[in-house]
Amino acid sequence: MDLGLRGLKVIVGGATRGISKATATLLAQEGCDLGLFSRNGAALARMEQELGSHGGKVATQEFVLEDREGYKAMLVGLADTLGGCDIFIHSISSSGAQGSMDWDESYRIDMLGAVDGCEALEPHLEKSKAGSIILMSSTAAIETFLIPQAFNAIKAAMITYGKQLSQAWAAKGIRVNIVSPGPISYPGGNWEGAKAAMPDLYAGILAQMPMGRFGTPDEVAKAIAFLASPAASYITGTNLVIDGGFTKRVQF
């Protein structure tokens, strides 16, 4: 199935690890031009070389989100370098910086990062014939999970924001969808850290997985690629749960 991604210009944050890295890699293979940013400049340089071999343009920017205006300027700069932006994937998170319990950091990175990113790139997305936004939430937002923490609550707020934005921007030709992964494991990720530091917790969550395993970044990346692509042209305002059946709520 041709997703219609070839030649589209995509901006992805936190691009050097986990789901974001897998998504960037897949989109490069699909022929997209990529604007990637991360706090890890050395890893970005390696990705620029590797992903550029697929034929698309790859622009990178080492960046740590410290102020809102600087973040907006960085995103606009990447879009200008690419010559536009068709798809924005907001996947930076306090979780990647081990800040899931930090309310200020979770609000600043996850929530305001979504709002500021969407607003900064709106002019480019509106000019596109395939304008699409993907906001990264979590199954921790749709069910009670572990303990009260900032990450869970802020990710829930992002789902509401994404749904409202999808209706507000539909007339502009910009689709907005949300992806909520369940437990995803990869080297250097939070669940691999939990396996080493809290083996009983890890084993307890694994025992609740109907498929008997955690998900992989590639499995989430494939769903993101479809949802962001022109192949999903009539899908907007959707929260796609990718959890191997882990959550137990019923959604009608």
Protein backbone atom coordinates (compact mmCIF):
# COMPACT_ATOMS: atom_id res chain seq x y z
CA MET A 1 0.00 0.00 0.00
CA ASP A 2 1.38 3.37 -1.02
CA LEU A 3 0.88 5.77 1.89
CA GLY A 4 1.62 8.81 -0.29
CA LEU A 5 4.46 9.98 1.94
CA ARG A 6 7.21 10.37 -0.65
CA GLY A 7 8.43 13.95 -0.86
CA LEU A 8 6.49 15.16 2.19
CA LYS A 9 8.34 17.28 4.73
CA VAL A 10 8.20 16.03 8.33
CA ILE A 11 9.43 17.52 11.61
CA VAL A 12 10.08 15.08 14.47
CA GLY A 13 11.39 15.86 17.96
CA GLY A 14 13.36 13.67 20.34
CA ALA A 15 14.45 11.92 17.18
CA THR A 16 17.47 10.02 18.46
CA ARG A 17 15.77 7.40 20.62
CA GLY A 18 12.79 5.09 20.98
CA ILE A 19 9.56 5.65 19.09
CA SER A 20 10.72 8.96 17.61
CA LYS A 21 13.86 7.40 16.14
CA ALA A 22 11.92 4.46 14.73
CA THR A 23 9.40 6.85 13.20
CA ALA A 24 12.06 9.05 11.62
CA THR A 25 13.79 5.99 10.19
CA LEU A 26 10.59 4.62 8.69
CA LEU A 27 9.62 7.99 7.20
CA ALA A 28 13.07 8.32 5.64
CA GLN A 29 12.58 4.90 4.06
CA GLU A 30 9.21 6.10 2.73
CA GLY A 31 10.93 8.98 0.95
CA CYS A 32 10.16 11.89 3.28
CA ASP A 33 12.33 14.94 3.87
CA LEU A 34 13.05 15.19 7.58
CA GLY A 35 13.66 17.95 10.10
CA LEU A 36 14.95 16.30 13.27
CA PHE A 37 15.80 17.79 16.63
CA SER A 38 17.14 16.32 19.86
CA ARG A 39 19.34 17.19 22.78
CA ASN A 40 21.87 14.59 21.54
CA GLY A 41 23.88 16.29 18.82
CA ALA A 42 26.26 13.38 18.20
CA ALA A 43 23.36 10.95 17.67
CA LEU A 44 21.69 13.44 15.35
CA ALA A 45 24.84 13.63 13.22
CA ARG A 46 24.86 9.85 12.88
CA MET A 47 21.17 9.81 11.94
CA GLU A 48 21.64 12.56 9.38
CA GLN A 49 24.26 10.46 7.62
CA GLU A 50 22.32 7.19 7.87
CA LEU A 51 18.90 8.49 6.90
CA GLY A 52 20.23 10.71 4.15
CA SER A 53 21.22 7.55 2.29
CA HIS A 54 17.53 6.98 1.47
CA GLY A 55 17.55 9.96 -0.87
CA GLY A 56 15.48 12.50 1.07
CA LYS A 57 16.73 15.70 2.67
CA VAL A 58 17.63 15.46 6.36
CA ALA A 59 18.08 18.63 8.44
CA THR A 60 19.02 18.35 12.10
CA GLN A 61 19.16 20.70 15.05
CA GLU A 62 20.63 20.00 18.48
CA PHE A 63 18.16 21.60 20.88
CA VAL A 64 17.15 21.62 24.52
CA LEU A 65 13.75 23.20 25.21
CA GLU A 66 14.41 25.99 27.68
CA ASP A 67 12.16 28.80 26.50
CA ARG A 68 9.03 28.92 24.37
CA GLU A 69 10.14 31.51 21.85
CA GLY A 70 13.40 29.71 21.21
CA TYR A 71 11.49 26.49 20.60
CA LYS A 72 9.14 28.14 18.12
CA ALA A 73 12.06 29.77 16.29
CA MET A 74 13.87 26.44 16.06
CA LEU A 75 10.82 24.72 14.52
CA VAL A 76 10.26 27.51 12.02
CA GLY A 77 13.95 27.35 11.14
CA LEU A 78 13.71 23.63 10.40
CA ALA A 79 10.60 24.20 8.27
CA ASP A 80 12.35 26.96 6.35
CA THR A 81 15.35 24.70 5.75
CA LEU A 82 13.10 21.93 4.43
CA GLY A 83 11.08 24.35 2.34
CA GLY A 84 7.89 23.76 4.32
CA CYS A 85 6.25 21.34 6.73
CA ASP A 86 3.54 18.82 5.82
CA ILE A 87 3.65 16.71 8.99
CA PHE A 88 4.52 17.66 12.57
CA ILE A 89 5.05 14.84 15.05
CA HIS A 90 5.15 16.16 18.62
CA SER A 91 6.97 13.43 20.50
CA ILE A 92 9.27 15.22 22.95
CA SER A 93 8.36 14.40 26.53
CA SER A 94 9.39 14.83 30.14
CA SER A 95 9.44 11.04 30.32
CA GLY A 96 12.52 10.86 28.12
CA ALA A 97 14.32 13.14 30.59
CA GLN A 98 13.14 11.09 33.58
CA GLY A 99 10.81 13.92 34.59
CA SER A 100 7.48 12.09 34.80
CA MET A 101 6.93 13.31 38.36
CA ASP A 102 7.88 16.92 37.59
CA TRP A 103 4.71 18.97 36.98
CA ASP A 104 6.51 22.04 35.63
CA GLU A 105 8.67 20.05 33.23
CA SER A 106 5.81 17.84 32.03
CA TYR A 107 3.60 20.87 31.40
CA ARG A 108 6.41 22.81 29.70
CA ILE A 109 7.66 20.02 27.43
CA ASP A 110 4.63 17.84 26.75
CA MET A 111 1.74 20.29 26.83
CA LEU A 112 3.22 23.66 25.91
CA GLY A 113 5.54 21.89 23.49
CA ALA A 114 2.45 20.66 21.66
CA VAL A 115 0.67 24.03 21.71
CA ASP A 116 3.69 26.10 20.71
CA GLY A 117 4.78 23.60 18.07
CA CYS A 118 1.38 23.48 16.41
CA GLU A 119 0.96 27.23 16.46
CA ALA A 120 4.49 27.91 15.16
CA LEU A 121 4.08 25.49 12.25
CA GLU A 122 0.44 26.33 11.45
CA PRO A 123 1.29 28.60 8.49
CA HIS A 124 3.38 25.88 6.86
CA LEU A 125 0.83 23.15 7.59
CA GLU A 126 -2.00 25.26 6.18
CA LYS A 127 -0.11 25.69 2.90
CA SER A 128 0.35 21.94 2.60
CA LYS A 129 -2.00 19.69 0.66
CA ALA A 130 -1.38 16.98 3.27
CA GLY A 131 -1.21 18.93 6.54
CA SER A 132 -1.08 16.52 9.46
CA ILE A 133 -0.19 16.65 13.17
CA ILE A 134 0.47 13.69 15.44
CA LEU A 135 0.53 14.30 19.21
CA MET A 136 2.12 11.60 21.34
CA SER A 137 0.07 10.68 24.41
CA SER A 138 0.06 7.43 26.41
CA THR A 139 -2.22 4.74 27.77
CA ALA A 140 -1.27 6.23 31.15
CA ALA A 141 -3.65 9.05 30.19
CA ILE A 142 -6.72 6.90 29.57
CA GLU A 143 -6.60 4.62 32.63
CA THR A 144 -5.24 5.00 36.12
CA PHE A 145 -1.68 3.70 36.01
CA LEU A 146 0.83 3.14 38.81
CA ILE A 147 0.76 6.31 40.94
CA PRO A 148 -0.49 9.91 40.58
CA GLN A 149 2.10 11.72 38.49
CA ALA A 150 2.39 14.70 36.18
CA PHE A 151 3.07 12.64 33.04
CA ASN A 152 -0.29 10.83 33.22
CA ALA A 153 -2.38 13.95 33.78
CA ILE A 154 -0.60 16.10 31.20
CA LYS A 155 -0.86 13.39 28.55
CA ALA A 156 -4.62 13.28 29.22
CA ALA A 157 -4.82 17.04 28.67
CA MET A 158 -3.02 16.60 25.33
CA ILE A 159 -5.76 14.28 24.09
CA THR A 160 -8.41 16.92 24.77
CA TYR A 161 -6.29 19.63 23.16
CA GLY A 162 -5.70 17.48 20.08
CA LYS A 163 -9.38 16.69 19.67
CA GLN A 164 -10.38 20.34 19.94
CA LEU A 165 -7.59 21.42 17.59
CA SER A 166 -8.71 18.85 15.01
CA GLN A 167 -12.13 20.50 14.82
CA ALA A 168 -10.76 24.04 14.84
CA TRP A 169 -8.25 23.39 12.04
CA ALA A 170 -10.23 20.97 9.85
CA ALA A 171 -11.33 23.81 7.57
CA LYS A 172 -7.66 24.70 7.08
CA GLY A 173 -7.00 21.23 5.71
CA ILE A 174 -4.92 20.23 8.74
CA ARG A 175 -5.64 16.88 10.34
CA VAL A 176 -4.80 16.38 14.03
CA ASN A 177 -4.58 12.94 15.61
CA ILE A 178 -3.20 11.48 18.81
CA VAL A 179 -1.30 8.25 19.38
CA SER A 180 -1.32 6.56 22.80
CA PRO A 181 1.21 3.74 23.11
CA GLY A 182 1.12 1.25 25.95
CA PRO A 183 4.31 -0.18 27.50
CA ILE A 184 7.03 -0.07 24.82
CA SER A 185 10.45 -1.55 25.52
CA TYR A 186 13.78 -0.80 23.83
CA PRO A 187 17.45 -0.54 24.90
CA GLY A 188 17.93 2.56 27.04
CA GLY A 189 14.19 3.10 27.44
CA ASN A 190 12.20 3.53 30.64
CA TRP A 191 10.92 -0.04 30.72
CA GLU A 192 14.39 -1.49 30.31
CA GLY A 193 15.42 0.74 33.20
CA ALA A 194 12.50 -0.54 35.26
CA LYS A 195 13.47 -4.11 34.45
CA ALA A 196 16.88 -3.53 36.01
CA ALA A 197 15.86 -1.30 38.93
CA MET A 198 12.35 -2.64 39.73
CA PRO A 199 12.17 -6.21 38.43
CA ASP A 200 8.99 -7.02 40.38
CA LEU A 201 7.15 -4.05 38.83
CA TYR A 202 8.40 -4.99 35.38
CA ALA A 203 7.33 -8.60 35.79
CA GLY A 204 3.93 -7.54 37.14
CA ILE A 205 3.20 -5.32 34.12
CA LEU A 206 4.48 -7.95 31.71
CA ALA A 207 2.13 -10.49 33.28
CA GLN A 208 -0.80 -8.20 32.42
CA MET A 209 0.07 -8.01 28.72
CA PRO A 210 -2.47 -10.17 26.81
CA MET A 211 0.05 -10.75 24.02
CA GLY A 212 2.70 -11.82 26.52
CA ARG A 213 5.21 -9.12 25.61
CA PHE A 214 5.88 -5.40 25.51
CA GLY A 215 5.56 -3.48 22.26
CA THR A 216 8.45 -2.26 20.13
CA PRO A 217 9.14 1.23 18.76
CA ASP A 218 8.79 -0.07 15.19
CA GLU A 219 5.24 -1.24 15.87
CA VAL A 220 4.22 2.22 17.00
CA ALA A 221 6.15 3.92 14.19
CA LYS A 222 4.20 2.03 11.53
CA ALA A 223 0.90 3.19 13.01
CA ILE A 224 2.15 6.79 13.21
CA ALA A 225 3.27 6.69 9.58
CA PHE A 226 -0.16 5.56 8.43
CA LEU A 227 -2.09 8.02 10.60
CA ALA A 228 0.11 10.94 9.51
CA SER A 229 -0.03 10.01 5.84
CA PRO A 230 -2.45 10.99 3.04
CA ALA A 231 -3.68 7.38 3.17
CA ALA A 232 -5.53 8.41 6.36
CA SER A 233 -7.01 11.52 4.74
CA TYR A 234 -10.44 11.21 6.39
CA ILE A 235 -9.14 10.48 9.89
CA THR A 236 -8.86 13.42 12.28
CA GLY A 237 -9.52 13.91 15.98
CA THR A 238 -8.75 10.26 16.69
CA ASN A 239 -6.78 8.88 19.62
CA LEU A 240 -5.18 5.65 18.37
CA VAL A 241 -4.31 3.31 21.24
CA ILE A 242 -1.39 0.98 20.46
CA ASP A 243 -1.03 -1.29 23.47
CA GLY A 244 -1.33 -4.96 22.54
CA GLY A 245 -4.63 -5.10 24.43
CA PHE A 246 -3.07 -3.86 27.69
CA THR A 247 -5.75 -1.34 28.65
CA LYS A 248 -9.09 -2.64 29.82
CA ARG A 249 -11.45 0.25 29.13
CA VAL A 250 -14.20 -0.21 26.55
CA GLN A 251 -14.39 2.55 23.91
CA PHE A 252 -17.54 2.92 21.82
